[in-house]
Amino acid sequence: MKCKCGGILDIIRIENPPGSLSEQEKLAYKRVCDVQCLECGKVYYSQPYDFGNKFNTFRDLNND
């Protein structure tokens, strides 16, 4: 992924699937990640990690 400034986005955090899911459900769960631009430092939260989707809406990952 690339930032709006043209820099490369580096993954800084990956969501863990909820512990209540079965092993099969965990494999199908679409995780999100937080990324940060290596050029300008801007952080994009809740971006798709699995299945190569486009930018995602915000999902709060601070519920660890």
C-alpha atoms as a PDB file:
ATOM      1  CA  MET A   1       0.000   0.000   0.000  1.00  0.00           C
ATOM      2  CA  LYS A   2       1.048   3.562  -0.615  1.00  0.00           C
ATOM      3  CA  CYS A   3       0.335   6.735   1.330  1.00  0.00           C
ATOM      4  CA  LYS A   4      -1.268   9.783  -0.261  1.00  0.00           C
ATOM      5  CA  CYS A   5       2.205  11.379  -0.214  1.00  0.00           C
ATOM      6  CA  GLY A   6       3.592   8.466  -2.264  1.00  0.00           C
ATOM      7  CA  GLY A   7       5.489   6.845   0.616  1.00  0.00           C
ATOM      8  CA  ILE A   8       5.302   3.157   1.503  1.00  0.00           C
ATOM      9  CA  LEU A   9       2.952   2.131   4.313  1.00  0.00           C
ATOM     10  CA  ASP A  10       4.551  -0.097   6.963  1.00  0.00           C
ATOM     11  CA  ILE A  11       2.399  -2.383   9.120  1.00  0.00           C
ATOM     12  CA  ILE A  12       2.725  -1.416  12.788  1.00  0.00           C
ATOM     13  CA  ARG A  13      -0.056  -3.562  14.308  1.00  0.00           C
ATOM     14  CA  ILE A  14      -2.182  -6.552  13.238  1.00  0.00           C
ATOM     15  CA  GLU A  15      -5.495  -7.398  14.872  1.00  0.00           C
ATOM     16  CA  ASN A  16      -5.802 -10.777  16.606  1.00  0.00           C
ATOM     17  CA  PRO A  17      -8.995 -12.723  15.868  1.00  0.00           C
ATOM     18  CA  PRO A  18     -11.400 -12.893  18.821  1.00  0.00           C
ATOM     19  CA  GLY A  19     -10.573 -15.793  21.152  1.00  0.00           C
ATOM     20  CA  SER A  20     -14.187 -16.983  21.135  1.00  0.00           C
ATOM     21  CA  LEU A  21     -13.935 -18.112  17.486  1.00  0.00           C
ATOM     22  CA  SER A  22     -13.258 -21.712  16.485  1.00  0.00           C
ATOM     23  CA  GLU A  23     -10.036 -22.515  14.621  1.00  0.00           C
ATOM     24  CA  GLN A  24     -11.928 -22.594  11.292  1.00  0.00           C
ATOM     25  CA  GLU A  25     -13.634 -19.281  12.019  1.00  0.00           C
ATOM     26  CA  LYS A  26     -10.261 -17.721  12.900  1.00  0.00           C
ATOM     27  CA  LEU A  27      -8.912 -18.746   9.486  1.00  0.00           C
ATOM     28  CA  ALA A  28     -11.829 -17.005   7.735  1.00  0.00           C
ATOM     29  CA  TYR A  29     -11.814 -13.895   9.973  1.00  0.00           C
ATOM     30  CA  LYS A  30     -10.882 -10.722   8.077  1.00  0.00           C
ATOM     31  CA  ARG A  31      -8.292  -9.011  10.253  1.00  0.00           C
ATOM     32  CA  VAL A  32      -7.386  -5.347  10.076  1.00  0.00           C
ATOM     33  CA  CYS A  33      -4.071  -3.625  10.706  1.00  0.00           C
ATOM     34  CA  ASP A  34      -2.680  -0.190  11.488  1.00  0.00           C
ATOM     35  CA  VAL A  35      -0.080   1.164   9.061  1.00  0.00           C
ATOM     36  CA  GLN A  36       2.317   4.109   9.131  1.00  0.00           C
ATOM     37  CA  CYS A  37       3.898   5.940   6.215  1.00  0.00           C
ATOM     38  CA  LEU A  38       7.686   5.630   6.127  1.00  0.00           C
ATOM     39  CA  GLU A  39       7.952   9.075   4.461  1.00  0.00           C
ATOM     40  CA  CYS A  40       5.569  11.432   6.286  1.00  0.00           C
ATOM     41  CA  GLY A  41       4.741   9.367   9.384  1.00  0.00           C
ATOM     42  CA  LYS A  42       0.948   9.504   8.924  1.00  0.00           C
ATOM     43  CA  VAL A  43      -0.880   6.573  10.554  1.00  0.00           C
ATOM     44  CA  TYR A  44      -3.870   4.860   8.919  1.00  0.00           C
ATOM     45  CA  TYR A  45      -5.947   2.799  11.344  1.00  0.00           C
ATOM     46  CA  SER A  46      -8.028  -0.329  10.672  1.00  0.00           C
ATOM     47  CA  GLN A  47      -6.815  -1.092   7.185  1.00  0.00           C
ATOM     48  CA  PRO A  48      -7.560  -4.504   5.636  1.00  0.00           C
ATOM     49  CA  TYR A  49      -4.867  -7.094   6.303  1.00  0.00           C
ATOM     50  CA  ASP A  50      -6.443 -10.242   4.869  1.00  0.00           C
ATOM     51  CA  PHE A  51      -7.955 -10.732   1.422  1.00  0.00           C
ATOM     52  CA  GLY A  52      -6.407  -7.620  -0.187  1.00  0.00           C
ATOM     53  CA  ASN A  53      -9.402  -5.319   0.181  1.00  0.00           C
ATOM     54  CA  LYS A  54      -9.191  -1.562  -0.302  1.00  0.00           C
ATOM     55  CA  PHE A  55      -8.983   0.893   2.604  1.00  0.00           C
ATOM     56  CA  ASN A  56     -11.347   0.055   5.423  1.00  0.00           C
ATOM     57  CA  THR A  57     -13.549   2.082   7.705  1.00  0.00           C
ATOM     58  CA  PHE A  58     -12.222   2.664  11.232  1.00  0.00           C
ATOM     59  CA  ARG A  59     -12.356  -0.270  13.644  1.00  0.00           C
ATOM     60  CA  ASP A  60     -11.141   0.223  17.239  1.00  0.00           C
ATOM     61  CA  LEU A  61      -8.252  -2.169  17.957  1.00  0.00           C
ATOM     62  CA  ASN A  62      -7.578  -0.956  21.486  1.00  0.00           C
ATOM     63  CA  ASN A  63      -9.777  -3.604  23.137  1.00  0.00           C
ATOM     64  CA  ASP A  64      -6.989  -6.080  23.953  1.00  0.00           C
END
